[in-house]
Amino acid sequence: MEKVSLNYCYASLSLLFCLILGCNSPNPDAADETNLAKWVNPFIGTGGHGHTFPGASSPFGFVQLSPDSRLDGWDGCGGYHYSDSIIYGFSHTHLSGTGVSDYGDVLLMPMNQISFNNGYGLPAGSGYGSIFSHDSEKAEAGFYRVHLLDNDIDVRLTASDRCGFQRYQFMNKQEKNIVLLDLQHRDELLDHKIEILNDSILRGKRISKAWAQEQHIYYFIKFNQPFTNHTFNTDSTKVAVEFDKDIPVSYTHLRAHETRHDL
């Protein structure tokens, strides 16, 4: 009787162990149901008077990396409006729902030919701004993608707590591969600095005035491949860097104070 009881006990424990394993085994469908981020639609509020932006950010992050299509006016407070058809670049800070304009710091824009004029308020093709279509635009929590039609360039954005990541795929192999850094974008520029540390790193500052009377942003931009040439505009508020390869990736780190320890 004692042997039978022990065998029964072992069998019961084995069955219980199997049941526990079965309860704890991952269920793909259940995991998908807990992924609440899939229900996020960053385009909500980008029309009407919502004053939001569709780009990439992380919770409580310092970076809000997003396209800039509306540079002035009450409905341009977030830097983007769904009714627009031209993108003037991708800046690393944006306000959401404020109704007061500010930010739009450290704008990058990929292009095929050097141009320091964004062409805002002028007909399409008058500056470095590019036409886009919502058909090629995608946004989800922490990610944004769009195709720039004028330059035939695919752009993808994502962000961490303090870094913005931009990936550019230049589809036209016959054209140049250029990325513009524009510090004069949007707000009144009080002071600035653009340093070329080497053939893949830019560093500097942007001090501007809008809603905040004196906003300080310090940036550190690192490309995943070297640029072969760089060209400044006349007052050195903008610089265009040129690449041989067609898929450069930029890593931009922002801080509220100056430092030499960035990426």
Protein backbone atom coordinates (compact mmCIF):
# COMPACT_ATOMS: atom_id res chain seq x y z
CA MET A 1 0.00 0.00 0.00
CA GLU A 2 2.89 2.34 0.78
CA LYS A 3 4.46 1.73 -2.66
CA VAL A 4 1.17 2.38 -4.44
CA SER A 5 0.70 5.60 -2.47
CA LEU A 6 4.18 6.82 -3.42
CA ASN A 7 3.59 6.05 -7.10
CA TYR A 8 0.26 7.86 -6.91
CA CYS A 9 1.98 10.81 -5.27
CA TYR A 10 4.67 10.94 -7.97
CA ALA A 11 2.05 10.74 -10.70
CA SER A 12 0.02 13.52 -9.08
CA LEU A 13 3.07 15.75 -8.76
CA SER A 14 4.02 15.11 -12.39
CA LEU A 15 0.52 16.01 -13.55
CA LEU A 16 0.56 19.18 -11.43
CA PHE A 17 3.99 20.15 -12.83
CA CYS A 18 2.73 19.71 -16.39
CA LEU A 19 -0.33 21.82 -15.65
CA ILE A 20 1.88 24.59 -14.23
CA LEU A 21 4.11 24.51 -17.30
CA GLY A 22 1.06 24.65 -19.52
CA CYS A 23 -0.26 27.72 -17.70
CA ASN A 24 3.07 29.55 -17.91
CA SER A 25 3.91 28.71 -21.52
CA PRO A 26 3.83 31.77 -23.79
CA ASN A 27 0.71 32.25 -25.84
CA PRO A 28 1.35 34.42 -28.92
CA ASP A 29 -2.29 35.47 -29.13
CA ALA A 30 -2.38 36.46 -25.46
CA ALA A 31 0.88 38.42 -25.82
CA ASP A 32 -0.53 40.26 -28.81
CA GLU A 33 -3.60 41.24 -26.78
CA THR A 34 -1.36 42.90 -24.16
CA ASN A 35 0.54 44.92 -26.79
CA LEU A 36 -1.54 48.04 -26.32
CA ALA A 37 0.91 50.13 -28.36
CA LYS A 38 -0.54 48.63 -31.54
CA TRP A 39 -3.71 50.66 -30.94
CA VAL A 40 -1.83 53.98 -30.89
CA ASN A 41 -2.54 56.24 -33.86
CA PRO A 42 -0.07 59.17 -33.80
CA PHE A 43 -2.06 60.97 -36.52
CA ILE A 44 -4.90 61.68 -34.08
CA GLY A 45 -4.91 65.42 -33.44
CA THR A 46 -2.72 66.34 -36.41
CA GLY A 47 -5.73 67.79 -38.26
CA GLY A 48 -8.18 70.50 -37.25
CA HIS A 49 -6.91 72.41 -34.23
CA GLY A 50 -5.28 69.46 -32.46
CA HIS A 51 -1.71 70.83 -32.53
CA THR A 52 -0.09 67.37 -32.29
CA PHE A 53 2.74 65.74 -34.25
CA PRO A 54 2.94 62.21 -35.75
CA GLY A 55 6.64 61.50 -35.24
CA ALA A 56 8.64 59.24 -32.94
CA SER A 57 9.22 59.71 -29.21
CA SER A 58 9.68 57.57 -26.13
CA PRO A 59 7.73 58.00 -22.86
CA PHE A 60 9.08 61.06 -21.01
CA GLY A 61 11.85 61.31 -23.61
CA PHE A 62 13.86 64.43 -24.42
CA VAL A 63 13.44 63.88 -28.18
CA GLN A 64 10.27 64.25 -30.24
CA LEU A 65 11.52 63.48 -33.75
CA SER A 66 8.91 64.41 -36.34
CA PRO A 67 8.35 65.93 -39.79
CA ASP A 68 7.88 69.69 -40.12
CA SER A 69 5.22 70.74 -42.61
CA ARG A 70 3.72 73.86 -40.97
CA LEU A 71 6.20 76.48 -39.77
CA ASP A 72 3.90 79.26 -38.58
CA GLY A 73 0.34 80.05 -37.50
CA TRP A 74 -1.81 78.70 -34.69
CA ASP A 75 -2.36 75.35 -36.42
CA GLY A 76 1.40 75.00 -36.88
CA CYS A 77 2.18 74.83 -33.16
CA GLY A 78 3.09 71.15 -33.39
CA GLY A 79 5.12 71.69 -36.57
CA TYR A 80 2.83 69.48 -38.67
CA HIS A 81 -0.69 69.61 -40.06
CA TYR A 82 -2.41 66.72 -41.81
CA SER A 83 -3.74 68.96 -44.58
CA ASP A 84 -0.21 69.92 -45.70
CA SER A 85 1.56 68.38 -48.69
CA ILE A 86 5.17 69.56 -48.26
CA ILE A 87 7.73 68.44 -45.66
CA TYR A 88 10.57 70.87 -44.89
CA GLY A 89 12.64 68.52 -42.78
CA PHE A 90 12.69 66.50 -39.58
CA SER A 91 13.42 68.33 -36.32
CA HIS A 92 14.09 66.78 -32.93
CA THR A 93 11.78 68.68 -30.58
CA HIS A 94 8.01 69.26 -30.87
CA LEU A 95 5.15 70.42 -28.67
CA SER A 96 1.87 68.54 -28.52
CA GLY A 97 -1.52 70.16 -27.92
CA THR A 98 -0.19 73.42 -26.47
CA GLY A 99 -1.72 75.98 -28.83
CA VAL A 100 1.49 78.02 -28.52
CA SER A 101 4.41 77.64 -30.91
CA ASP A 102 7.96 76.62 -29.94
CA TYR A 103 10.63 73.93 -30.49
CA GLY A 104 11.47 72.57 -33.95
CA ASP A 105 15.13 72.34 -32.93
CA VAL A 106 17.99 70.78 -34.93
CA LEU A 107 16.32 70.12 -38.28
CA LEU A 108 17.80 67.60 -40.72
CA MET A 109 16.65 67.20 -44.32
CA PRO A 110 17.94 64.74 -46.94
CA MET A 111 18.17 66.06 -50.50
CA ASN A 112 19.79 65.58 -53.91
CA GLN A 113 21.12 69.10 -54.51
CA ILE A 114 22.43 71.68 -52.04
CA SER A 115 19.81 74.28 -51.15
CA PHE A 116 19.74 76.49 -48.07
CA ASN A 117 16.27 77.94 -48.73
CA ASN A 118 13.35 75.86 -47.48
CA GLY A 119 10.93 77.51 -49.93
CA TYR A 120 8.21 77.90 -47.30
CA GLY A 121 5.22 79.82 -48.61
CA LEU A 122 6.44 79.50 -52.20
CA PRO A 123 5.34 77.06 -54.93
CA ALA A 124 6.54 73.46 -54.65
CA GLY A 125 10.10 73.04 -55.88
CA SER A 126 11.19 76.53 -54.78
CA GLY A 127 13.41 75.25 -51.97
CA TYR A 128 14.57 72.12 -50.22
CA GLY A 129 11.06 71.21 -49.02
CA SER A 130 9.63 68.11 -50.71
CA ILE A 131 6.10 67.03 -51.64
CA PHE A 132 4.86 63.89 -49.87
CA SER A 133 1.73 61.75 -49.91
CA HIS A 134 -0.16 60.24 -46.99
CA ASP A 135 -0.25 57.03 -49.03
CA SER A 136 3.48 56.55 -48.33
CA GLU A 137 3.30 57.84 -44.77
CA LYS A 138 3.18 55.50 -41.75
CA ALA A 139 3.21 56.27 -38.04
CA GLU A 140 2.97 54.06 -34.98
CA ALA A 141 4.18 54.31 -31.40
CA GLY A 142 7.89 55.16 -31.57
CA PHE A 143 8.19 55.00 -35.37
CA TYR A 144 7.52 57.21 -38.40
CA ARG A 145 8.12 56.66 -42.11
CA VAL A 146 7.53 58.75 -45.23
CA HIS A 147 8.69 58.96 -48.84
CA LEU A 148 9.85 62.36 -50.15
CA LEU A 149 8.52 62.49 -53.70
CA ASP A 150 10.58 65.39 -55.09
CA ASN A 151 13.89 63.86 -54.05
CA ASP A 152 12.81 60.19 -54.21
CA ILE A 153 14.11 59.54 -50.71
CA ASP A 154 12.68 57.15 -48.13
CA VAL A 155 12.92 58.41 -44.52
CA ARG A 156 12.46 56.42 -41.31
CA LEU A 157 12.51 57.86 -37.80
CA THR A 158 12.65 56.44 -34.30
CA ALA A 159 13.78 57.75 -30.92
CA SER A 160 15.16 56.78 -27.53
CA ASP A 161 15.12 58.86 -24.34
CA ARG A 162 17.73 61.34 -25.59
CA CYS A 163 18.55 60.29 -29.14
CA GLY A 164 16.79 60.59 -32.48
CA PHE A 165 17.60 58.08 -35.21
CA GLN A 166 17.04 58.91 -38.88
CA ARG A 167 17.58 56.55 -41.80
CA TYR A 168 17.61 57.89 -45.36
CA GLN A 169 17.46 55.73 -48.46
CA PHE A 170 18.28 57.67 -51.61
CA MET A 171 16.47 55.87 -54.41
CA ASN A 172 17.85 57.91 -57.35
CA LYS A 173 21.36 56.56 -57.92
CA GLN A 174 22.15 59.32 -60.45
CA GLU A 175 21.75 62.13 -57.92
CA LYS A 176 23.89 63.27 -55.00
CA ASN A 177 23.25 62.07 -51.44
CA ILE A 178 23.11 65.15 -49.20
CA VAL A 179 21.84 65.80 -45.66
CA LEU A 180 21.24 69.39 -44.52
CA LEU A 181 21.49 70.59 -40.91
CA ASP A 182 19.43 73.80 -40.50
CA LEU A 183 19.69 75.66 -37.17
CA GLN A 184 17.82 78.71 -38.43
CA HIS A 185 14.64 76.70 -38.88
CA ARG A 186 11.40 78.08 -37.42
CA ASP A 187 12.11 80.11 -34.23
CA GLU A 188 14.19 83.27 -33.85
CA LEU A 189 17.84 82.21 -33.61
CA LEU A 190 19.75 83.99 -30.81
CA ASP A 191 23.03 82.09 -30.99
CA HIS A 192 24.37 78.93 -32.60
CA LYS A 193 27.39 76.78 -33.26
CA ILE A 194 28.15 74.07 -35.82
CA GLU A 195 31.42 72.19 -35.34
CA ILE A 196 32.79 69.60 -37.79
CA LEU A 197 34.62 67.25 -35.43
CA ASN A 198 35.57 64.75 -38.14
CA ASP A 199 34.10 63.23 -41.30
CA SER A 200 31.14 61.69 -39.49
CA ILE A 201 30.37 63.90 -36.46
CA LEU A 202 28.75 67.34 -36.10
CA ARG A 203 28.42 69.08 -32.75
CA GLY A 204 27.05 72.41 -31.60
CA LYS A 205 24.32 74.42 -29.95
CA ARG A 206 21.11 76.26 -30.79
CA ILE A 207 19.78 79.06 -28.61
CA SER A 208 16.40 80.32 -29.78
CA LYS A 209 13.46 82.50 -28.81
CA ALA A 210 9.75 81.71 -29.18
CA TRP A 211 7.40 80.76 -26.35
CA ALA A 212 10.53 80.28 -24.27
CA GLN A 213 12.49 83.53 -24.29
CA GLU A 214 15.88 81.79 -24.29
CA GLN A 215 15.93 78.08 -25.02
CA HIS A 216 19.25 76.21 -25.03
CA ILE A 217 19.70 73.00 -26.98
CA TYR A 218 23.07 71.27 -27.43
CA TYR A 219 23.37 68.54 -30.04
CA PHE A 220 25.76 65.82 -31.14
CA ILE A 221 25.13 64.24 -34.55
CA LYS A 222 26.93 61.09 -35.62
CA PHE A 223 26.55 59.47 -39.05
CA ASN A 224 27.13 55.75 -39.58
CA GLN A 225 29.40 56.50 -42.54
CA PRO A 226 31.80 59.33 -43.42
CA PHE A 227 30.72 62.29 -45.49
CA THR A 228 32.99 63.27 -48.36
CA ASN A 229 32.28 67.00 -48.44
CA HIS A 230 30.54 69.73 -46.46
CA THR A 231 29.28 73.21 -47.40
CA PHE A 232 28.17 76.04 -45.08
CA ASN A 233 25.76 78.85 -45.94
CA THR A 234 26.96 82.45 -45.64
CA ASP A 235 26.27 82.90 -41.90
CA SER A 236 27.14 79.32 -40.94
CA THR A 237 23.68 78.59 -39.54
CA LYS A 238 23.31 75.69 -41.98
CA VAL A 239 25.61 73.01 -43.33
CA ALA A 240 25.10 70.42 -46.07
CA VAL A 241 27.11 67.19 -45.90
CA GLU A 242 27.49 64.84 -48.88
CA PHE A 243 27.80 61.04 -48.85
CA ASP A 244 29.03 58.48 -51.37
CA LYS A 245 26.71 55.74 -50.12
CA ASP A 246 22.94 55.95 -50.45
CA ILE A 247 21.70 54.87 -47.00
CA PRO A 248 23.27 57.10 -44.34
CA VAL A 249 21.92 56.88 -40.80
CA SER A 250 22.17 59.76 -38.32
CA TYR A 251 22.18 59.51 -34.54
CA THR A 252 21.36 62.83 -32.87
CA HIS A 253 21.84 63.24 -29.13
CA LEU A 254 20.27 66.30 -27.45
CA ARG A 255 21.08 67.88 -24.10
CA ALA A 256 19.95 70.97 -22.23
CA HIS A 257 23.55 71.78 -21.30
CA GLU A 258 26.90 71.57 -23.05
CA THR A 259 29.01 68.42 -22.64
CA ARG A 260 31.75 66.52 -24.40
CA HIS A 261 30.41 63.12 -23.38
CA ASP A 262 27.58 62.36 -25.78
CA LEU A 263 27.30 59.13 -27.75
